[in-house]
Protein backbone atom coordinates (compact mmCIF):
# COMPACT_ATOMS: atom_id res chain seq x y z
CA MET A 1 -6.52 -42.46 -21.74
CA ILE A 2 -8.55 -39.42 -20.04
CA LYS A 3 -11.65 -39.68 -22.94
CA ASP A 4 -13.64 -36.58 -21.25
CA ARG A 5 -13.11 -33.19 -22.33
CA TYR A 6 -13.93 -31.64 -19.54
CA ILE A 7 -12.49 -32.68 -15.39
CA ASN A 8 -14.95 -33.81 -13.27
CA PRO A 9 -15.38 -31.37 -10.42
CA LEU A 10 -16.19 -34.26 -7.86
CA THR A 11 -12.43 -35.37 -7.49
CA ASP A 12 -10.11 -34.16 -5.55
CA PHE A 13 -7.46 -32.98 -8.14
CA GLY A 14 -11.00 -31.68 -10.31
CA PHE A 15 -12.44 -29.68 -7.45
CA LYS A 16 -9.12 -27.91 -6.04
CA LYS A 17 -7.91 -26.94 -9.40
CA LEU A 18 -11.72 -25.54 -10.15
CA PHE A 19 -11.67 -23.61 -6.89
CA GLY A 20 -8.75 -23.86 -5.27
CA GLU A 21 -6.19 -22.03 -6.84
CA ALA A 22 -5.48 -18.31 -6.86
CA ALA A 23 -6.07 -18.17 -10.64
CA ASN A 24 -9.21 -19.54 -10.78
CA LYS A 25 -10.81 -17.41 -7.59
CA ASP A 26 -12.91 -15.78 -9.43
CA LEU A 27 -14.88 -19.14 -9.96
CA LEU A 28 -14.78 -19.86 -6.66
CA ILE A 29 -15.99 -15.98 -5.55
CA HIS A 30 -19.03 -16.26 -8.14
CA PHE A 31 -19.84 -20.03 -6.84
CA LEU A 32 -19.81 -19.01 -3.28
CA ASN A 33 -21.80 -15.90 -3.78
CA GLN A 34 -25.23 -17.94 -5.20
CA LEU A 35 -24.97 -19.08 -1.44
CA LEU A 36 -24.83 -16.25 0.54
CA PRO A 37 -26.92 -13.70 1.67
CA GLU A 38 -26.24 -9.86 0.53
CA LYS A 39 -24.70 -8.67 3.17
CA HIS A 40 -22.34 -11.03 2.92
CA GLN A 41 -21.46 -11.22 -0.99
CA VAL A 42 -17.65 -11.80 -1.58
CA GLU A 43 -15.83 -9.11 -3.61
CA ASP A 44 -12.35 -10.42 -2.67
CA LEU A 45 -10.67 -13.74 -1.27
CA GLU A 46 -7.63 -14.72 0.41
CA TYR A 47 -6.71 -18.81 -0.01
CA LEU A 48 -5.71 -19.53 4.18
CA PRO A 49 -3.37 -22.52 4.56
CA SER A 50 -5.38 -25.79 4.64
CA GLU A 51 -4.05 -27.75 7.52
CA ARG A 52 -4.86 -26.84 10.77
CA LEU A 53 -2.83 -27.74 13.38
CA PRO A 54 -3.37 -29.06 17.17
CA SER A 55 -3.17 -26.91 19.87
CA SER A 56 -1.52 -29.52 21.54
CA PHE A 57 0.27 -32.84 20.40
CA LEU A 58 -2.48 -34.84 22.08
CA ASP A 59 -5.13 -33.11 20.04
CA ARG A 60 -6.11 -34.17 16.41
CA LYS A 61 -5.24 -31.93 13.19
CA VAL A 62 -7.35 -31.33 10.11
CA ILE A 63 -6.71 -30.66 6.64
CA PHE A 64 -9.75 -28.65 5.40
CA ASP A 65 -10.25 -28.96 1.08
CA ILE A 66 -10.56 -24.96 0.83
CA TYR A 67 -9.79 -22.84 3.62
CA CYS A 68 -10.37 -18.87 2.46
CA THR A 69 -11.68 -15.56 3.99
CA SER A 70 -13.40 -12.31 2.17
CA ASN A 71 -11.51 -9.08 1.97
CA ARG A 72 -14.50 -8.23 4.87
CA GLY A 73 -13.17 -10.66 7.37
CA GLU A 74 -15.75 -13.67 6.89
CA GLN A 75 -14.21 -17.24 6.96
CA PHE A 76 -15.35 -20.34 4.43
CA ILE A 77 -14.77 -23.70 4.78
CA ILE A 78 -15.43 -25.60 1.87
CA GLU A 79 -15.46 -29.46 2.16
CA LEU A 80 -16.30 -31.77 -0.59
CA GLN A 81 -17.49 -34.89 0.44
CA ARG A 82 -18.12 -38.07 -2.35
CA SER A 83 -19.12 -40.52 -0.05
CA LYS A 84 -21.13 -40.99 2.51
CA GLN A 85 -19.76 -41.19 6.03
CA ASN A 86 -20.39 -42.11 9.49
CA HIS A 87 -21.03 -38.81 11.85
CA PHE A 88 -20.39 -36.57 9.43
CA ILE A 89 -22.31 -33.59 10.23
CA ASP A 90 -20.31 -33.98 13.66
CA ARG A 91 -17.05 -33.78 11.63
CA SER A 92 -18.24 -30.29 9.75
CA ILE A 93 -19.18 -28.89 13.22
CA PHE A 94 -16.02 -30.16 14.43
CA TYR A 95 -14.03 -28.42 11.44
CA SER A 96 -15.88 -25.12 12.06
CA THR A 97 -14.09 -24.65 16.14
CA PHE A 98 -10.88 -24.18 14.23
CA PRO A 99 -11.68 -20.69 12.76
CA ILE A 100 -13.59 -19.47 15.84
CA GLN A 101 -10.26 -20.75 17.94
CA GLU A 102 -8.59 -18.67 16.09
CA GLN A 103 -9.89 -15.53 15.79
CA SER A 104 -8.89 -15.45 19.75
CA GLU A 105 -6.74 -12.13 20.22
CA ARG A 106 -3.81 -11.95 22.96
CA GLY A 107 -4.58 -8.99 25.07
CA ASP A 108 -7.88 -7.21 25.77
CA TRP A 109 -10.55 -9.31 23.58
CA ASN A 110 -14.48 -8.15 23.49
CA PHE A 111 -14.91 -11.79 21.88
CA LYS A 112 -16.25 -10.39 18.64
CA LEU A 113 -16.48 -13.36 16.14
CA TRP A 114 -16.32 -12.82 12.05
CA PRO A 115 -18.82 -14.71 10.31
CA ILE A 116 -17.86 -18.52 9.62
CA TYR A 117 -19.36 -20.80 6.86
CA THR A 118 -18.78 -24.16 6.97
CA ILE A 119 -19.84 -25.24 3.38
CA CYS A 120 -20.03 -29.22 2.48
CA ILE A 121 -21.00 -30.56 -1.29
CA LEU A 122 -21.82 -33.65 -0.69
CA ASP A 123 -22.25 -36.50 -3.10
CA PHE A 124 -25.06 -38.31 -1.44
CA LYS A 125 -27.37 -37.62 0.65
CA ILE A 126 -27.36 -37.25 4.58
CA ASN A 127 -28.84 -38.99 7.08
CA GLN A 128 -30.92 -35.95 8.94
CA PRO A 129 -34.93 -35.95 7.75
CA ASN A 130 -35.52 -33.83 5.00
CA PRO A 131 -39.12 -33.82 3.97
CA HIS A 132 -38.98 -31.24 1.40
CA ASN A 133 -36.04 -33.04 -0.38
CA ARG A 134 -33.92 -29.88 -0.45
CA VAL A 135 -30.75 -29.63 -2.13
CA ILE A 136 -29.37 -27.01 -0.23
CA ARG A 137 -29.89 -26.64 3.77
CA TYR A 138 -29.05 -23.51 6.13
CA VAL A 139 -28.18 -24.65 9.28
CA GLN A 140 -27.83 -21.94 12.30
CA LEU A 141 -27.94 -21.90 15.97
CA LYS A 142 -31.78 -21.12 17.13
CA ASP A 143 -33.62 -20.84 20.32
CA GLN A 144 -36.89 -22.76 21.60
CA ASP A 145 -39.27 -20.73 19.53
CA LYS A 146 -37.00 -21.45 16.44
CA GLU A 147 -35.54 -17.40 16.05
CA LEU A 148 -32.42 -16.81 15.22
CA PHE A 149 -30.30 -16.68 18.07
CA PHE A 150 -26.35 -15.98 16.30
CA GLU A 151 -26.29 -15.45 13.06
CA ASP A 152 -22.52 -16.00 12.23
CA LEU A 153 -22.07 -19.35 12.61
CA THR A 154 -23.69 -21.00 9.41
CA TYR A 155 -23.81 -24.29 7.58
CA ILE A 156 -24.61 -24.94 4.08
CA TYR A 157 -24.75 -28.25 3.27
CA ILE A 158 -25.33 -29.05 -0.41
CA GLU A 159 -26.66 -32.91 -1.02
CA LEU A 160 -26.12 -33.15 -5.03
CA PRO A 161 -28.33 -36.21 -5.32
CA ASN A 162 -31.49 -34.29 -4.92
CA PHE A 163 -30.48 -31.69 -7.41
CA THR A 164 -32.37 -33.34 -10.76
CA LYS A 165 -33.27 -30.62 -12.86
CA THR A 166 -32.08 -30.83 -16.44
CA LEU A 167 -30.73 -28.02 -18.78
CA ASP A 168 -34.39 -26.66 -19.58
CA GLU A 169 -35.23 -26.38 -15.86
CA LEU A 170 -31.78 -24.30 -14.56
CA GLU A 171 -33.73 -20.98 -13.48
CA ASP A 172 -30.74 -19.00 -11.94
CA LEU A 173 -27.40 -18.92 -11.39
CA GLN A 174 -27.74 -21.38 -8.56
CA ASP A 175 -29.58 -23.65 -10.41
CA LYS A 176 -26.36 -23.37 -13.37
CA TRP A 177 -23.49 -24.16 -10.82
CA LEU A 178 -25.93 -27.04 -9.34
CA TYR A 179 -25.76 -28.45 -12.39
CA LEU A 180 -22.61 -28.26 -13.10
CA PHE A 181 -21.23 -29.67 -10.27
CA ARG A 182 -23.51 -32.53 -11.59
CA TYR A 183 -22.82 -33.07 -15.16
CA LEU A 184 -19.79 -31.01 -16.19
CA ALA A 185 -17.36 -33.93 -16.74
CA LYS A 186 -20.37 -35.67 -18.97
CA LEU A 187 -20.29 -33.09 -20.85
CA GLU A 188 -19.17 -32.54 -24.41
CA ASP A 189 -19.86 -28.84 -25.08
CA ARG A 190 -21.30 -25.47 -23.83
CA PRO A 191 -24.63 -25.70 -23.56
CA ALA A 192 -26.40 -22.42 -24.75
CA ALA A 193 -27.97 -22.49 -21.59
CA LEU A 194 -24.76 -21.78 -19.95
CA GLN A 195 -23.36 -18.50 -21.92
CA GLU A 196 -22.81 -16.57 -19.07
CA ARG A 197 -19.17 -15.03 -19.24
CA ILE A 198 -18.13 -16.77 -15.77
CA PHE A 199 -19.39 -20.16 -17.04
CA ILE A 200 -17.41 -19.36 -20.45
CA ARG A 201 -14.23 -18.96 -17.59
CA LEU A 202 -15.27 -22.37 -16.28
CA PHE A 203 -15.67 -24.45 -19.44
CA ARG A 204 -12.15 -22.87 -19.96
CA ALA A 205 -10.55 -23.85 -16.81
CA ALA A 206 -12.06 -27.00 -17.05
CA GLU A 207 -10.98 -28.19 -20.31
CA ILE A 208 -8.55 -31.40 -19.87
CA ALA A 209 -6.52 -30.59 -23.10
CA SER A 210 -5.10 -27.64 -22.10
CA TYR A 211 -3.53 -29.31 -19.24
CA SER A 212 0.04 -30.15 -18.53
CA ILE A 213 1.17 -33.63 -18.97
CA GLU A 214 1.66 -33.95 -15.08
CA GLU A 215 -1.65 -32.58 -14.45
CA ARG A 216 -3.48 -34.76 -16.77
CA GLN A 217 -1.42 -37.72 -14.82
CA ASN A 218 -2.46 -36.13 -11.48
CA TYR A 219 -6.00 -36.26 -12.62
CA GLU A 220 -6.16 -39.64 -13.85
CA VAL A 221 -4.98 -41.06 -10.14
CA SER A 222 -7.60 -38.58 -8.54
CA LEU A 223 -10.34 -39.74 -11.43
CA LYS A 224 -9.41 -43.32 -10.54
CA LYS A 225 -10.04 -42.82 -6.91
CA HIS A 226 -13.30 -41.53 -7.43
CA ARG A 227 -14.36 -43.99 -9.38
CA ASP A 228 -13.19 -46.54 -7.05
CA ILE A 229 -14.81 -45.69 -3.87
CA LYS A 230 -18.28 -45.69 -6.41
CA ASN A 231 -17.43 -49.17 -7.65
CA ALA A 232 -17.18 -50.00 -3.89
CA ILE A 233 -19.81 -48.55 -2.41
CA ASP A 234 -22.06 -49.68 -5.58
CA THR A 235 -21.36 -53.36 -4.64
CA ALA A 236 -21.65 -52.59 -0.85
CA LEU A 237 -25.26 -51.50 -1.64
CA GLU A 238 -25.99 -54.58 -3.85
CA LYS A 239 -24.51 -56.95 -1.23
CA GLY A 240 -26.71 -54.82 1.50
CA ARG A 241 -29.85 -55.35 -0.52
CA ALA A 242 -28.86 -59.49 -0.71
CA GLU A 243 -28.48 -60.30 2.73
CA GLY A 244 -31.33 -57.55 4.11
CA LEU A 245 -31.27 -55.27 7.06
CA GLU A 246 -29.25 -55.86 9.96
CA GLU A 247 -27.08 -58.25 8.81
CA GLY A 248 -26.69 -56.43 4.88
CA ALA A 249 -25.39 -53.41 6.85
CA LEU A 250 -22.78 -55.02 8.11
CA ALA A 251 -22.13 -57.21 5.16
CA ALA A 252 -22.04 -53.88 2.91
CA LYS A 253 -19.30 -52.19 5.01
CA LYS A 254 -17.25 -55.47 4.49
CA ALA A 255 -18.00 -55.62 0.99
CA MET A 256 -16.93 -51.85 0.51
CA ALA A 257 -13.73 -52.38 2.56
CA LYS A 258 -12.58 -54.98 0.97
CA GLN A 259 -13.37 -53.44 -2.64
CA MET A 260 -11.29 -50.17 -1.38
CA GLN A 261 -8.93 -52.48 -0.39
CA ILE A 262 -8.25 -53.99 -3.81
CA ALA A 263 -8.45 -50.52 -4.81
CA ASN A 264 -5.04 -49.64 -3.01
CA PHE A 265 -7.00 -47.69 -0.64
CA PRO A 266 -5.10 -47.29 2.90
CA LEU A 267 -6.27 -49.53 6.08
CA GLU A 268 -6.91 -45.73 7.48
CA GLN A 269 -9.24 -44.42 4.92
CA ILE A 270 -11.15 -47.33 4.83
CA ALA A 271 -12.00 -46.81 8.08
CA GLN A 272 -13.02 -43.66 7.96
CA ILE A 273 -15.04 -43.68 4.95
CA THR A 274 -17.00 -46.90 6.68
CA GLY A 275 -17.35 -45.79 9.93
CA CYS A 276 -15.35 -49.07 11.37
CA SER A 277 -12.79 -49.17 13.73
CA LEU A 278 -9.19 -49.91 12.16
CA GLU A 279 -8.96 -53.26 14.60
CA GLN A 280 -12.69 -54.27 12.59
CA ILE A 281 -11.35 -53.31 9.49
CA LYS A 282 -8.22 -55.40 9.51
CA ASN A 283 -9.88 -58.37 11.28
CA TRP A 284 -12.11 -58.35 8.11
CA LEU A 285 -9.49 -57.85 5.33
CA LYS A 286 -7.96 -61.06 6.85
CA ASP A 287 -10.35 -63.03 5.81
């Protein structure tokens, strides 16, 4: 039985329920506008099919968590990633190539591109230097003098573990959104610091008691998966610390793979999350 009052937005079901449904697009618009510059503020948006097919059968298809376009033409890929993954930065850049290619036009075309934003909400710290311990990092193409070279391709990485503010320390709407991503599922009621109309909407949309039986069952499955991943990671980290550095890293991945097998994760997903080959995972799980 689910004992929480509010849904966890870091689960697949919770994230798509709150931000991926047309009925709640005002929540997504408000959240995006806390990240975007003034010139790209969103007034309205349209959800696009999340599955992008390859140009040939030899290529790889991708499935975005949320893919949408604003009424002015800006395109947004919004990805939620709960567990650390090898080459995640590469993956986010690869994803952005799909909306770039889809903007091509038949016949005469001047190659003008609409702005593209890839927004990654991460429940881990990425393996990139972050001396200022920033929660949100904006990445664009720059030249050798660190001058902006191309402004219409932007990557926004939100590292939630770096956000440590308490309710009393929240300074603006952006802080409040980040706080809710981290702590919504732990709240028993709406705090006084979150009384803005948009957050009243969010709490209403996140209240589990208002969901249908099928929705609650789907959420339970998603929540179990979320907890299984966390338990696998925690077990792997403990194993890694016990074994030392290089050997520990390998032992940690083996431990994670076995924990995920116990939780009935598909082998392909275990390989993806651990960053190992499918053959290597199969060999480990034979032991």
